[in-house]
Amino acid sequence: MAFEEINSKMVRATVAPGQRLYSQRGAMLAYQGEVSFTPNLRGGQGGVVSMIGRRVANEDTPLMTVEGSGTVLFGHGGHHVQVIGLAGDTLYVEADRLLAFEGTLEQGTVFLGAQGGVMGMVRGQVSGQGLFTTSLRGHGSVAVMAHGGVFEIPVTPQRPVRVDPQAYVAHHGDVRNRLSTAMGWRDMVGRGSGEAFQLELSGSGTVYVQASEEKL
């Protein structure tokens, strides 16, 4: 795994010749060795479609390509960082939550309407995350950011998980999502509109939830 968690808000990445990392611009804190950082205009591996999709939605998050030989410390805004390893599966994550990822992973863009139909589009508007989300597929590791740390919740066919859309960070596995309303429950407990919608995830996989409803 290319990333090592130094503390809750910083990761160290090993960069080797012939291998690439991608990170958010401005996320480099320090480095040792012969390492270069260049703006990435293609949106990562296989990123032309991803780049177009995100820019159509005005949701593009600038990346930089990291190459060379050495070690790099990454962090951003004092946010908590979680490293997620992929073994041939796909991670779905909001672009602004990506701190860094290995170049072995293929990046794509997923229209939220394709993951939950019209309700998927509603989810994007309710959560403030827009209509597109980023997918990373293959073998490698990803460092994601969150407010207040990340908690992993398993999703099984017998036990679907319901999440506040604004606390959602990412998910992977054979997981389907849809936005459901909880009007009766909200009215019963007398809470505001923040609990009017829940993101329901079903299937088999893992969902990552942050300990806050605050956006990055």
N, C-alpha and C. Protein backbone atom coordinates (compact mmCIF):
# COMPACT_ATOMS: atom_id res chain seq x y z
N MET A 1 0.85 -1.19 0.00
CA MET A 1 0.00 0.00 0.00
C MET A 1 0.89 1.24 0.00
N ALA A 2 0.59 2.20 -0.88
CA ALA A 2 1.46 3.36 -1.05
C ALA A 2 1.33 4.36 0.10
N PHE A 3 0.19 4.34 0.82
CA PHE A 3 -0.06 5.35 1.85
C PHE A 3 0.02 4.75 3.25
N GLU A 4 0.65 5.51 4.13
CA GLU A 4 0.75 5.13 5.54
C GLU A 4 0.20 6.27 6.38
N GLU A 5 -0.73 5.96 7.27
CA GLU A 5 -1.31 6.98 8.13
C GLU A 5 -0.31 7.38 9.22
N ILE A 6 0.13 8.63 9.21
CA ILE A 6 1.06 9.13 10.21
C ILE A 6 0.31 9.50 11.48
N ASN A 7 -0.78 10.22 11.32
CA ASN A 7 -1.71 10.50 12.40
C ASN A 7 -3.08 10.66 11.77
N SER A 8 -4.03 11.15 12.52
CA SER A 8 -5.40 11.20 12.01
C SER A 8 -5.59 12.19 10.86
N LYS A 9 -4.61 13.08 10.64
CA LYS A 9 -4.79 14.13 9.65
C LYS A 9 -3.66 14.19 8.61
N MET A 10 -2.83 13.16 8.57
CA MET A 10 -1.69 13.20 7.66
C MET A 10 -1.32 11.78 7.22
N VAL A 11 -0.96 11.64 5.93
CA VAL A 11 -0.48 10.36 5.42
C VAL A 11 0.87 10.56 4.76
N ARG A 12 1.66 9.49 4.77
CA ARG A 12 2.95 9.50 4.08
C ARG A 12 2.85 8.54 2.90
N ALA A 13 3.26 9.02 1.73
CA ALA A 13 3.20 8.22 0.52
C ALA A 13 4.61 7.89 0.04
N THR A 14 4.80 6.68 -0.41
CA THR A 14 6.06 6.26 -1.01
C THR A 14 5.94 6.38 -2.52
N VAL A 15 6.87 7.12 -3.13
CA VAL A 15 6.87 7.32 -4.58
C VAL A 15 8.06 6.57 -5.14
N ALA A 16 7.83 5.73 -6.14
CA ALA A 16 8.88 4.92 -6.74
C ALA A 16 8.96 5.20 -8.24
N PRO A 17 10.15 5.03 -8.84
CA PRO A 17 10.29 5.27 -10.28
C PRO A 17 9.31 4.41 -11.08
N GLY A 18 8.71 5.01 -12.08
CA GLY A 18 7.76 4.30 -12.93
C GLY A 18 6.36 4.21 -12.36
N GLN A 19 6.15 4.76 -11.18
CA GLN A 19 4.82 4.75 -10.58
C GLN A 19 4.34 6.17 -10.36
N ARG A 20 3.03 6.37 -10.44
CA ARG A 20 2.46 7.70 -10.25
C ARG A 20 1.47 7.71 -9.11
N LEU A 21 1.39 8.86 -8.48
CA LEU A 21 0.32 9.15 -7.54
C LEU A 21 -0.40 10.39 -8.03
N TYR A 22 -1.65 10.53 -7.64
CA TYR A 22 -2.41 11.75 -7.92
C TYR A 22 -2.90 12.30 -6.59
N SER A 23 -2.87 13.61 -6.45
CA SER A 23 -3.36 14.23 -5.22
C SER A 23 -4.05 15.54 -5.55
N GLN A 24 -4.82 16.03 -4.59
CA GLN A 24 -5.38 17.37 -4.74
C GLN A 24 -4.24 18.37 -4.77
N ARG A 25 -4.40 19.39 -5.59
CA ARG A 25 -3.39 20.44 -5.61
C ARG A 25 -3.37 21.16 -4.26
N GLY A 26 -2.17 21.42 -3.77
CA GLY A 26 -2.04 22.07 -2.48
C GLY A 26 -2.05 21.13 -1.30
N ALA A 27 -2.12 19.80 -1.58
CA ALA A 27 -2.18 18.83 -0.48
C ALA A 27 -0.80 18.39 0.00
N MET A 28 0.25 18.71 -0.76
CA MET A 28 1.60 18.32 -0.35
C MET A 28 2.06 19.18 0.83
N LEU A 29 2.48 18.52 1.91
CA LEU A 29 2.95 19.22 3.10
C LEU A 29 4.48 19.27 3.15
N ALA A 30 5.13 18.17 2.77
CA ALA A 30 6.59 18.09 2.77
C ALA A 30 6.99 16.84 1.98
N TYR A 31 8.23 16.82 1.52
CA TYR A 31 8.70 15.61 0.82
C TYR A 31 10.20 15.47 0.95
N GLN A 32 10.67 14.25 0.73
CA GLN A 32 12.09 13.94 0.69
C GLN A 32 12.39 13.15 -0.57
N GLY A 33 13.55 13.39 -1.17
CA GLY A 33 13.93 12.68 -2.37
C GLY A 33 13.74 13.51 -3.62
N GLU A 34 13.85 12.83 -4.75
CA GLU A 34 13.68 13.48 -6.05
C GLU A 34 12.24 13.27 -6.52
N VAL A 35 11.38 14.16 -6.15
CA VAL A 35 9.96 14.04 -6.45
C VAL A 35 9.49 15.27 -7.21
N SER A 36 8.68 15.06 -8.26
CA SER A 36 8.15 16.18 -9.04
C SER A 36 6.64 16.24 -8.90
N PHE A 37 6.11 17.45 -8.99
CA PHE A 37 4.67 17.70 -8.88
C PHE A 37 4.25 18.53 -10.07
N THR A 38 3.34 18.01 -10.90
CA THR A 38 2.90 18.72 -12.09
C THR A 38 1.38 18.74 -12.15
N PRO A 39 0.79 19.85 -12.62
CA PRO A 39 -0.67 19.90 -12.77
C PRO A 39 -1.15 18.80 -13.71
N ASN A 40 -2.26 18.19 -13.35
CA ASN A 40 -2.83 17.11 -14.16
C ASN A 40 -4.09 17.62 -14.83
N LEU A 41 -4.09 17.61 -16.17
CA LEU A 41 -5.21 18.17 -16.92
C LEU A 41 -6.16 17.10 -17.43
N ARG A 42 -5.84 15.82 -17.20
CA ARG A 42 -6.65 14.75 -17.76
C ARG A 42 -7.53 14.07 -16.72
N GLY A 43 -7.39 14.48 -15.46
CA GLY A 43 -8.25 13.90 -14.43
C GLY A 43 -7.85 12.51 -14.00
N GLY A 44 -6.56 12.15 -14.08
CA GLY A 44 -6.13 10.82 -13.66
C GLY A 44 -6.18 9.83 -14.79
N GLN A 45 -5.91 8.56 -14.49
CA GLN A 45 -5.89 7.51 -15.50
C GLN A 45 -7.26 7.35 -16.14
N GLY A 46 -7.28 7.34 -17.46
CA GLY A 46 -8.54 7.22 -18.17
C GLY A 46 -9.47 8.38 -17.90
N GLY A 47 -8.88 9.56 -17.70
CA GLY A 47 -9.63 10.66 -17.14
C GLY A 47 -10.28 11.63 -18.08
N VAL A 48 -10.22 11.43 -19.41
CA VAL A 48 -10.83 12.41 -20.31
C VAL A 48 -12.33 12.48 -20.10
N VAL A 49 -12.97 11.32 -20.06
CA VAL A 49 -14.41 11.29 -19.82
C VAL A 49 -14.72 11.82 -18.43
N SER A 50 -13.89 11.44 -17.45
CA SER A 50 -14.10 11.93 -16.09
C SER A 50 -13.98 13.44 -16.04
N MET A 51 -12.96 13.98 -16.70
CA MET A 51 -12.74 15.42 -16.69
C MET A 51 -13.91 16.15 -17.31
N ILE A 52 -14.39 15.67 -18.47
CA ILE A 52 -15.51 16.32 -19.14
C ILE A 52 -16.76 16.27 -18.27
N GLY A 53 -17.03 15.08 -17.70
CA GLY A 53 -18.21 14.94 -16.86
C GLY A 53 -18.22 15.88 -15.69
N ARG A 54 -17.09 16.02 -15.03
CA ARG A 54 -17.04 16.88 -13.86
C ARG A 54 -17.09 18.34 -14.26
N ARG A 55 -16.49 18.71 -15.37
CA ARG A 55 -16.50 20.13 -15.75
C ARG A 55 -17.86 20.55 -16.27
N VAL A 56 -18.59 19.61 -16.90
CA VAL A 56 -19.96 19.93 -17.30
C VAL A 56 -20.77 20.30 -16.07
N ALA A 57 -20.51 19.60 -14.97
CA ALA A 57 -21.24 19.86 -13.73
C ALA A 57 -20.56 20.93 -12.88
N ASN A 58 -19.46 21.48 -13.39
CA ASN A 58 -18.70 22.50 -12.65
C ASN A 58 -18.26 21.96 -11.29
N GLU A 59 -17.86 20.69 -11.26
CA GLU A 59 -17.47 20.04 -10.02
C GLU A 59 -16.06 19.49 -10.10
N ASP A 60 -15.24 20.00 -11.00
CA ASP A 60 -13.91 19.48 -11.17
C ASP A 60 -13.02 19.87 -9.99
N THR A 61 -12.29 18.90 -9.44
CA THR A 61 -11.33 19.15 -8.38
C THR A 61 -9.93 19.02 -8.96
N PRO A 62 -9.13 20.10 -9.00
CA PRO A 62 -7.82 20.05 -9.64
C PRO A 62 -6.92 19.00 -8.98
N LEU A 63 -6.20 18.26 -9.81
CA LEU A 63 -5.28 17.25 -9.34
C LEU A 63 -3.85 17.61 -9.76
N MET A 64 -2.89 17.01 -9.07
CA MET A 64 -1.51 17.09 -9.52
C MET A 64 -0.94 15.68 -9.59
N THR A 65 -0.03 15.48 -10.53
CA THR A 65 0.64 14.20 -10.70
C THR A 65 1.94 14.22 -9.90
N VAL A 66 2.15 13.17 -9.14
CA VAL A 66 3.33 13.06 -8.29
C VAL A 66 4.19 11.90 -8.82
N GLU A 67 5.45 12.18 -9.16
CA GLU A 67 6.34 11.16 -9.72
C GLU A 67 7.74 11.33 -9.16
N GLY A 68 8.55 10.28 -9.31
CA GLY A 68 9.94 10.35 -8.89
C GLY A 68 10.30 9.25 -7.93
N SER A 69 11.15 9.57 -6.97
CA SER A 69 11.61 8.61 -5.98
C SER A 69 11.77 9.31 -4.64
N GLY A 70 10.99 8.89 -3.66
CA GLY A 70 11.07 9.52 -2.35
C GLY A 70 9.81 9.30 -1.54
N THR A 71 9.59 10.14 -0.57
CA THR A 71 8.39 10.08 0.27
C THR A 71 7.75 11.46 0.34
N VAL A 72 6.43 11.48 0.43
CA VAL A 72 5.67 12.74 0.45
C VAL A 72 4.66 12.68 1.59
N LEU A 73 4.54 13.78 2.31
CA LEU A 73 3.51 13.91 3.33
C LEU A 73 2.34 14.69 2.76
N PHE A 74 1.13 14.12 2.88
CA PHE A 74 -0.08 14.77 2.37
C PHE A 74 -1.05 15.07 3.51
N GLY A 75 -1.72 16.20 3.40
CA GLY A 75 -2.79 16.58 4.31
C GLY A 75 -3.45 17.82 3.72
N HIS A 76 -4.65 18.14 4.21
CA HIS A 76 -5.33 19.29 3.62
C HIS A 76 -6.35 19.85 4.60
N GLY A 77 -6.20 21.12 4.94
CA GLY A 77 -7.20 21.82 5.74
C GLY A 77 -7.39 21.30 7.14
N GLY A 78 -6.48 20.47 7.63
CA GLY A 78 -6.65 19.88 8.95
C GLY A 78 -7.74 18.83 9.02
N HIS A 79 -8.21 18.35 7.85
CA HIS A 79 -9.27 17.35 7.84
C HIS A 79 -8.71 15.98 8.25
N HIS A 80 -9.55 15.15 8.81
CA HIS A 80 -9.17 13.79 9.13
C HIS A 80 -9.00 12.99 7.83
N VAL A 81 -8.07 12.07 7.84
CA VAL A 81 -7.73 11.29 6.65
C VAL A 81 -7.92 9.81 6.94
N GLN A 82 -8.49 9.10 5.98
CA GLN A 82 -8.68 7.66 6.07
C GLN A 82 -8.11 7.02 4.81
N VAL A 83 -7.30 5.96 4.97
CA VAL A 83 -6.76 5.23 3.83
C VAL A 83 -7.63 4.01 3.57
N ILE A 84 -8.06 3.85 2.31
CA ILE A 84 -8.91 2.75 1.90
C ILE A 84 -8.17 1.95 0.83
N GLY A 85 -8.05 0.65 1.03
CA GLY A 85 -7.41 -0.22 0.05
C GLY A 85 -8.42 -0.89 -0.85
N LEU A 86 -8.13 -0.93 -2.15
CA LEU A 86 -9.01 -1.59 -3.12
C LEU A 86 -8.29 -2.80 -3.70
N ALA A 87 -9.02 -3.89 -3.86
CA ALA A 87 -8.46 -5.12 -4.40
C ALA A 87 -9.30 -5.57 -5.59
N GLY A 88 -9.34 -4.71 -6.61
CA GLY A 88 -10.09 -5.03 -7.82
C GLY A 88 -11.51 -4.53 -7.82
N ASP A 89 -11.97 -3.93 -6.73
CA ASP A 89 -13.33 -3.41 -6.67
C ASP A 89 -13.34 -1.91 -6.96
N THR A 90 -14.49 -1.29 -6.79
CA THR A 90 -14.68 0.12 -7.14
C THR A 90 -15.09 0.91 -5.90
N LEU A 91 -14.45 2.05 -5.72
CA LEU A 91 -14.81 2.97 -4.65
C LEU A 91 -15.52 4.16 -5.26
N TYR A 92 -16.66 4.54 -4.69
CA TYR A 92 -17.39 5.73 -5.10
C TYR A 92 -17.18 6.79 -4.03
N VAL A 93 -16.66 7.95 -4.41
CA VAL A 93 -16.30 8.98 -3.43
C VAL A 93 -16.48 10.35 -4.05
N GLU A 94 -16.89 11.32 -3.24
CA GLU A 94 -17.02 12.68 -3.73
C GLU A 94 -15.64 13.24 -4.04
N ALA A 95 -15.50 13.95 -5.17
CA ALA A 95 -14.19 14.41 -5.64
C ALA A 95 -13.49 15.30 -4.62
N ASP A 96 -14.25 16.16 -3.92
CA ASP A 96 -13.61 17.07 -2.98
C ASP A 96 -13.12 16.36 -1.73
N ARG A 97 -13.45 15.08 -1.58
CA ARG A 97 -12.98 14.31 -0.43
C ARG A 97 -11.73 13.50 -0.76
N LEU A 98 -11.31 13.52 -2.02
CA LEU A 98 -10.11 12.80 -2.41
C LEU A 98 -8.87 13.59 -2.02
N LEU A 99 -8.03 13.01 -1.18
CA LEU A 99 -6.76 13.64 -0.85
C LEU A 99 -5.69 13.18 -1.83
N ALA A 100 -5.58 11.86 -2.04
CA ALA A 100 -4.59 11.31 -2.95
C ALA A 100 -4.96 9.87 -3.28
N PHE A 101 -4.48 9.37 -4.43
CA PHE A 101 -4.73 7.98 -4.78
C PHE A 101 -3.64 7.49 -5.72
N GLU A 102 -3.48 6.18 -5.77
CA GLU A 102 -2.44 5.58 -6.60
C GLU A 102 -2.83 5.62 -8.07
N GLY A 103 -1.81 5.79 -8.92
CA GLY A 103 -2.05 5.85 -10.35
C GLY A 103 -2.45 4.53 -10.97
N THR A 104 -2.37 3.44 -10.22
CA THR A 104 -2.82 2.14 -10.72
C THR A 104 -4.34 2.07 -10.80
N LEU A 105 -5.01 3.00 -10.16
CA LEU A 105 -6.48 3.00 -10.14
C LEU A 105 -7.03 3.78 -11.32
N GLU A 106 -8.07 3.25 -11.92
CA GLU A 106 -8.74 3.92 -13.03
C GLU A 106 -9.84 4.83 -12.50
N GLN A 107 -9.74 6.11 -12.85
CA GLN A 107 -10.71 7.09 -12.36
C GLN A 107 -11.81 7.29 -13.38
N GLY A 108 -13.03 7.41 -12.90
CA GLY A 108 -14.17 7.69 -13.76
C GLY A 108 -15.14 8.63 -13.07
N THR A 109 -16.19 9.00 -13.78
CA THR A 109 -17.23 9.87 -13.24
C THR A 109 -18.57 9.18 -13.38
N VAL A 110 -19.33 9.15 -12.30
CA VAL A 110 -20.62 8.48 -12.29
C VAL A 110 -21.71 9.52 -12.07
N PHE A 111 -22.70 9.51 -12.95
CA PHE A 111 -23.87 10.37 -12.80
C PHE A 111 -24.76 9.78 -11.71
N LEU A 112 -25.07 10.58 -10.71
CA LEU A 112 -25.83 10.07 -9.58
C LEU A 112 -27.19 9.52 -9.98
N GLY A 113 -27.73 10.01 -11.08
CA GLY A 113 -28.99 9.47 -11.55
C GLY A 113 -28.89 8.01 -11.92
N ALA A 114 -27.65 7.56 -12.26
CA ALA A 114 -27.45 6.16 -12.61
C ALA A 114 -27.39 5.29 -11.36
N GLN A 115 -27.19 5.89 -10.21
CA GLN A 115 -27.17 5.15 -8.95
C GLN A 115 -28.36 5.61 -8.11
N GLY A 116 -29.52 5.18 -8.48
CA GLY A 116 -30.70 5.54 -7.74
C GLY A 116 -31.70 6.35 -8.54
N GLY A 117 -31.50 6.43 -9.87
CA GLY A 117 -32.44 7.12 -10.73
C GLY A 117 -32.61 8.58 -10.37
N VAL A 118 -33.84 9.07 -10.48
CA VAL A 118 -34.13 10.46 -10.17
C VAL A 118 -33.78 10.78 -8.72
N MET A 119 -34.00 9.82 -7.84
CA MET A 119 -33.71 10.06 -6.43
C MET A 119 -32.21 10.23 -6.21
N GLY A 120 -31.40 9.60 -7.07
CA GLY A 120 -29.97 9.83 -6.99
C GLY A 120 -29.63 11.27 -7.28
N MET A 121 -30.33 11.87 -8.22
CA MET A 121 -30.14 13.28 -8.53
C MET A 121 -30.56 14.15 -7.34
N VAL A 122 -31.68 13.78 -6.72
CA VAL A 122 -32.15 14.52 -5.55
C VAL A 122 -31.12 14.44 -4.44
N ARG A 123 -30.53 13.25 -4.27
CA ARG A 123 -29.51 13.09 -3.24
C ARG A 123 -28.37 14.07 -3.44
N GLY A 124 -27.94 14.24 -4.68
CA GLY A 124 -26.86 15.17 -4.96
C GLY A 124 -27.20 16.59 -4.57
N GLN A 125 -28.43 16.99 -4.82
CA GLN A 125 -28.85 18.34 -4.47
C GLN A 125 -29.02 18.51 -2.95
N VAL A 126 -29.58 17.50 -2.29
CA VAL A 126 -29.80 17.58 -0.85
C VAL A 126 -28.48 17.63 -0.10
N SER A 127 -27.51 16.80 -0.55
CA SER A 127 -26.23 16.72 0.15
C SER A 127 -25.31 17.87 -0.23
N GLY A 128 -25.64 18.59 -1.28
CA GLY A 128 -24.78 19.67 -1.73
C GLY A 128 -23.57 19.18 -2.49
N GLN A 129 -23.56 17.89 -2.88
CA GLN A 129 -22.41 17.30 -3.53
C GLN A 129 -22.54 17.29 -5.06
N GLY A 130 -23.62 17.81 -5.58
CA GLY A 130 -23.77 17.87 -7.02
C GLY A 130 -24.35 16.60 -7.62
N LEU A 131 -24.31 16.51 -8.96
CA LEU A 131 -24.93 15.41 -9.67
C LEU A 131 -23.96 14.31 -10.07
N PHE A 132 -22.67 14.54 -9.90
CA PHE A 132 -21.67 13.56 -10.29
C PHE A 132 -20.87 13.13 -9.07
N THR A 133 -20.37 11.90 -9.10
CA THR A 133 -19.45 11.43 -8.08
C THR A 133 -18.31 10.72 -8.78
N THR A 134 -17.19 10.55 -8.10
CA THR A 134 -15.99 9.96 -8.69
C THR A 134 -15.93 8.48 -8.36
N SER A 135 -15.51 7.67 -9.33
CA SER A 135 -15.26 6.26 -9.09
C SER A 135 -13.79 5.97 -9.28
N LEU A 136 -13.24 5.09 -8.45
CA LEU A 136 -11.86 4.63 -8.55
C LEU A 136 -11.89 3.11 -8.53
N ARG A 137 -11.32 2.49 -9.57
CA ARG A 137 -11.44 1.04 -9.71
C ARG A 137 -10.08 0.41 -9.93
N GLY A 138 -9.87 -0.77 -9.33
CA GLY A 138 -8.64 -1.51 -9.56
C GLY A 138 -7.98 -1.93 -8.26
N HIS A 139 -6.65 -2.07 -8.33
CA HIS A 139 -5.86 -2.45 -7.17
C HIS A 139 -4.99 -1.27 -6.75
N GLY A 140 -5.14 -0.85 -5.52
CA GLY A 140 -4.36 0.29 -5.04
C GLY A 140 -5.03 0.88 -3.81
N SER A 141 -4.52 2.01 -3.36
CA SER A 141 -5.05 2.64 -2.15
C SER A 141 -5.44 4.08 -2.42
N VAL A 142 -6.36 4.56 -1.59
CA VAL A 142 -6.93 5.89 -1.71
C VAL A 142 -6.92 6.54 -0.34
N ALA A 143 -6.56 7.81 -0.27
CA ALA A 143 -6.66 8.57 0.98
C ALA A 143 -7.80 9.56 0.82
N VAL A 144 -8.82 9.45 1.68
CA VAL A 144 -9.97 10.33 1.61
C VAL A 144 -10.02 11.21 2.86
N MET A 145 -10.71 12.34 2.75
CA MET A 145 -10.80 13.30 3.84
C MET A 145 -12.22 13.36 4.39
N ALA A 146 -12.32 13.73 5.66
CA ALA A 146 -13.63 13.85 6.29
C ALA A 146 -13.52 14.75 7.51
N HIS A 147 -14.67 15.24 7.97
CA HIS A 147 -14.74 16.01 9.21
C HIS A 147 -14.91 15.06 10.38
N GLY A 148 -14.05 15.18 11.37
CA GLY A 148 -14.24 14.45 12.61
C GLY A 148 -13.94 12.96 12.55
N GLY A 149 -13.29 12.50 11.50
CA GLY A 149 -12.96 11.09 11.39
C GLY A 149 -14.00 10.32 10.61
N VAL A 150 -13.63 9.08 10.24
CA VAL A 150 -14.48 8.23 9.40
C VAL A 150 -14.79 6.93 10.12
N PHE A 151 -16.02 6.50 10.01
CA PHE A 151 -16.45 5.23 10.59
C PHE A 151 -16.91 4.32 9.46
N GLU A 152 -16.43 3.06 9.47
CA GLU A 152 -16.80 2.09 8.44
C GLU A 152 -18.00 1.27 8.93
N ILE A 153 -19.02 1.20 8.09
CA ILE A 153 -20.21 0.42 8.44
C ILE A 153 -20.42 -0.64 7.36
N PRO A 154 -20.44 -1.92 7.73
CA PRO A 154 -20.69 -2.96 6.73
C PRO A 154 -22.14 -2.92 6.23
N VAL A 155 -22.31 -3.15 4.95
CA VAL A 155 -23.64 -3.25 4.35
C VAL A 155 -23.86 -4.69 3.92
N THR A 156 -24.92 -5.32 4.38
CA THR A 156 -25.22 -6.70 4.01
C THR A 156 -26.66 -6.78 3.50
N PRO A 157 -26.97 -7.84 2.74
CA PRO A 157 -28.35 -7.98 2.25
C PRO A 157 -29.37 -8.00 3.38
N GLN A 158 -28.96 -8.53 4.54
CA GLN A 158 -29.89 -8.61 5.67
C GLN A 158 -29.97 -7.30 6.45
N ARG A 159 -28.92 -6.46 6.35
CA ARG A 159 -28.88 -5.25 7.16
C ARG A 159 -28.46 -4.05 6.30
N PRO A 160 -29.39 -3.45 5.57
CA PRO A 160 -29.07 -2.21 4.86
C PRO A 160 -28.76 -1.09 5.84
N VAL A 161 -28.10 -0.06 5.35
CA VAL A 161 -27.68 1.04 6.21
C VAL A 161 -28.31 2.32 5.72
N ARG A 162 -28.81 3.14 6.64
CA ARG A 162 -29.36 4.44 6.29
C ARG A 162 -28.46 5.53 6.87
N VAL A 163 -28.08 6.48 6.02
CA VAL A 163 -27.08 7.48 6.37
C VAL A 163 -27.64 8.86 6.06
N ASP A 164 -27.31 9.82 6.90
CA ASP A 164 -27.58 11.22 6.57
C ASP A 164 -26.77 11.56 5.32
N PRO A 165 -27.38 12.06 4.25
CA PRO A 165 -26.63 12.33 3.01
C PRO A 165 -25.43 13.24 3.21
N GLN A 166 -25.49 14.15 4.18
CA GLN A 166 -24.39 15.08 4.40
C GLN A 166 -23.26 14.45 5.20
N ALA A 167 -23.51 13.29 5.81
CA ALA A 167 -22.46 12.57 6.53
C ALA A 167 -21.80 11.51 5.66
N TYR A 168 -22.37 11.25 4.50
CA TYR A 168 -21.82 10.24 3.59
C TYR A 168 -20.48 10.69 3.02
N VAL A 169 -19.49 9.77 3.00
CA VAL A 169 -18.18 10.06 2.44
C VAL A 169 -17.92 9.23 1.18
N ALA A 170 -18.11 7.91 1.29
CA ALA A 170 -17.80 7.03 0.16
C ALA A 170 -18.40 5.65 0.44
N HIS A 171 -18.39 4.80 -0.59
CA HIS A 171 -18.76 3.41 -0.38
C HIS A 171 -18.10 2.55 -1.46
N HIS A 172 -17.97 1.26 -1.16
CA HIS A 172 -17.51 0.34 -2.20
C HIS A 172 -18.17 -1.01 -2.00
N GLY A 173 -18.06 -1.84 -3.02
CA GLY A 173 -18.73 -3.14 -3.02
C GLY A 173 -19.95 -3.11 -3.93
N ASP A 174 -20.72 -4.17 -3.87
CA ASP A 174 -21.94 -4.28 -4.66
C ASP A 174 -23.07 -3.62 -3.88
N VAL A 175 -23.04 -2.30 -3.87
CA VAL A 175 -23.96 -1.51 -3.05
C VAL A 175 -24.82 -0.63 -3.93
N ARG A 176 -26.11 -0.64 -3.67
CA ARG A 176 -27.05 0.24 -4.36
C ARG A 176 -27.50 1.32 -3.38
N ASN A 177 -27.77 2.51 -3.89
CA ASN A 177 -28.23 3.56 -2.99
C ASN A 177 -29.48 4.23 -3.53
N ARG A 178 -30.30 4.67 -2.63
CA ARG A 178 -31.48 5.43 -3.00
C ARG A 178 -31.80 6.40 -1.87
N LEU A 179 -32.41 7.50 -2.22
CA LEU A 179 -32.78 8.49 -1.22
C LEU A 179 -34.22 8.21 -0.78
N SER A 180 -34.42 8.13 0.53
CA SER A 180 -35.76 7.91 1.05
C SER A 180 -36.12 9.04 1.99
N THR A 181 -37.39 9.25 2.17
CA THR A 181 -37.86 10.30 3.07
C THR A 181 -38.24 9.71 4.42
N ALA A 182 -38.14 10.53 5.42
CA ALA A 182 -38.49 10.10 6.78
C ALA A 182 -39.39 11.15 7.41
N MET A 183 -40.38 11.60 6.66
CA MET A 183 -41.21 12.71 7.10
C MET A 183 -41.92 12.40 8.41
N GLY A 184 -42.49 11.19 8.51
CA GLY A 184 -43.22 10.86 9.73
C GLY A 184 -42.33 10.86 10.94
N TRP A 185 -41.14 10.25 10.80
CA TRP A 185 -40.20 10.21 11.92
C TRP A 185 -39.71 11.60 12.27
N ARG A 186 -39.44 12.41 11.27
CA ARG A 186 -38.97 13.78 11.53
C ARG A 186 -40.02 14.57 12.30
N ASP A 187 -41.25 14.46 11.83
CA ASP A 187 -42.31 15.21 12.49
C ASP A 187 -42.52 14.73 13.93
N MET A 188 -42.34 13.43 14.14
CA MET A 188 -42.58 12.86 15.47
C MET A 188 -41.57 13.38 16.48
N VAL A 189 -40.30 13.47 16.08
CA VAL A 189 -39.27 13.91 17.02
C VAL A 189 -39.08 15.41 17.00
N GLY A 190 -39.76 16.09 16.05
CA GLY A 190 -39.72 17.54 16.04
C GLY A 190 -38.41 18.12 15.55
N ARG A 191 -37.69 17.38 14.71
CA ARG A 191 -36.42 17.87 14.21
C ARG A 191 -36.65 18.67 12.94
N GLY A 192 -35.58 19.36 12.48
CA GLY A 192 -35.67 20.17 11.28
C GLY A 192 -35.55 19.34 10.03
N SER A 193 -35.45 20.05 8.88
CA SER A 193 -35.47 19.39 7.58
C SER A 193 -34.22 18.58 7.32
N GLY A 194 -33.16 18.70 8.15
CA GLY A 194 -31.94 17.94 7.94
C GLY A 194 -32.18 16.44 8.01
N GLU A 195 -33.21 16.01 8.75
CA GLU A 195 -33.50 14.59 8.86
C GLU A 195 -34.63 14.16 7.94
N ALA A 196 -35.03 15.04 7.02
CA ALA A 196 -36.14 14.71 6.15
C ALA A 196 -35.76 13.65 5.13
N PHE A 197 -34.47 13.53 4.80
CA PHE A 197 -34.01 12.56 3.81
C PHE A 197 -32.95 11.67 4.42
N GLN A 198 -32.97 10.42 3.98
CA GLN A 198 -31.94 9.47 4.38
C GLN A 198 -31.42 8.78 3.13
N LEU A 199 -30.12 8.50 3.09
CA LEU A 199 -29.53 7.74 2.00
C LEU A 199 -29.49 6.28 2.41
N GLU A 200 -30.26 5.45 1.71
CA GLU A 200 -30.34 4.03 2.05
C GLU A 200 -29.42 3.24 1.14
N LEU A 201 -28.49 2.47 1.73
CA LEU A 201 -27.54 1.65 0.99
C LEU A 201 -27.82 0.19 1.28
N SER A 202 -27.97 -0.60 0.22
CA SER A 202 -28.29 -2.01 0.36
C SER A 202 -27.36 -2.83 -0.53
N GLY A 203 -27.27 -4.11 -0.23
CA GLY A 203 -26.40 -5.00 -0.99
C GLY A 203 -25.30 -5.55 -0.11
N SER A 204 -24.07 -5.61 -0.66
CA SER A 204 -22.93 -6.13 0.09
C SER A 204 -21.73 -5.22 -0.12
N GLY A 205 -21.21 -4.65 0.95
CA GLY A 205 -20.06 -3.77 0.83
C GLY A 205 -19.83 -2.98 2.09
N THR A 206 -19.28 -1.79 1.96
CA THR A 206 -18.95 -0.94 3.09
C THR A 206 -19.28 0.50 2.76
N VAL A 207 -19.83 1.22 3.71
CA VAL A 207 -20.06 2.66 3.55
C VAL A 207 -19.22 3.38 4.59
N TYR A 208 -18.66 4.51 4.18
CA TYR A 208 -17.81 5.32 5.07
C TYR A 208 -18.57 6.59 5.43
N VAL A 209 -18.70 6.82 6.74
CA VAL A 209 -19.51 7.92 7.25
C VAL A 209 -18.62 8.80 8.12
N GLN A 210 -18.75 10.12 7.94
CA GLN A 210 -17.97 11.04 8.76
C GLN A 210 -18.76 11.44 10.00
N ALA A 211 -18.02 11.88 11.02
CA ALA A 211 -18.64 12.24 12.30
C ALA A 211 -19.09 13.69 12.31
N SER A 212 -19.72 14.11 11.21
CA SER A 212 -20.18 15.49 11.09
C SER A 212 -21.10 15.58 9.88
N GLU A 213 -21.95 16.61 9.87
CA GLU A 213 -22.78 16.89 8.70
C GLU A 213 -22.20 18.06 7.90
N GLU A 214 -20.99 18.48 8.28
CA GLU A 214 -20.37 19.65 7.64
C GLU A 214 -19.69 19.25 6.34
N LYS A 215 -19.85 20.06 5.29
CA LYS A 215 -19.18 19.83 4.03
C LYS A 215 -17.75 20.32 4.11
N LEU A 216 -16.89 19.73 3.24
CA LEU A 216 -15.50 20.18 3.20
C LEU A 216 -15.40 21.52 2.52
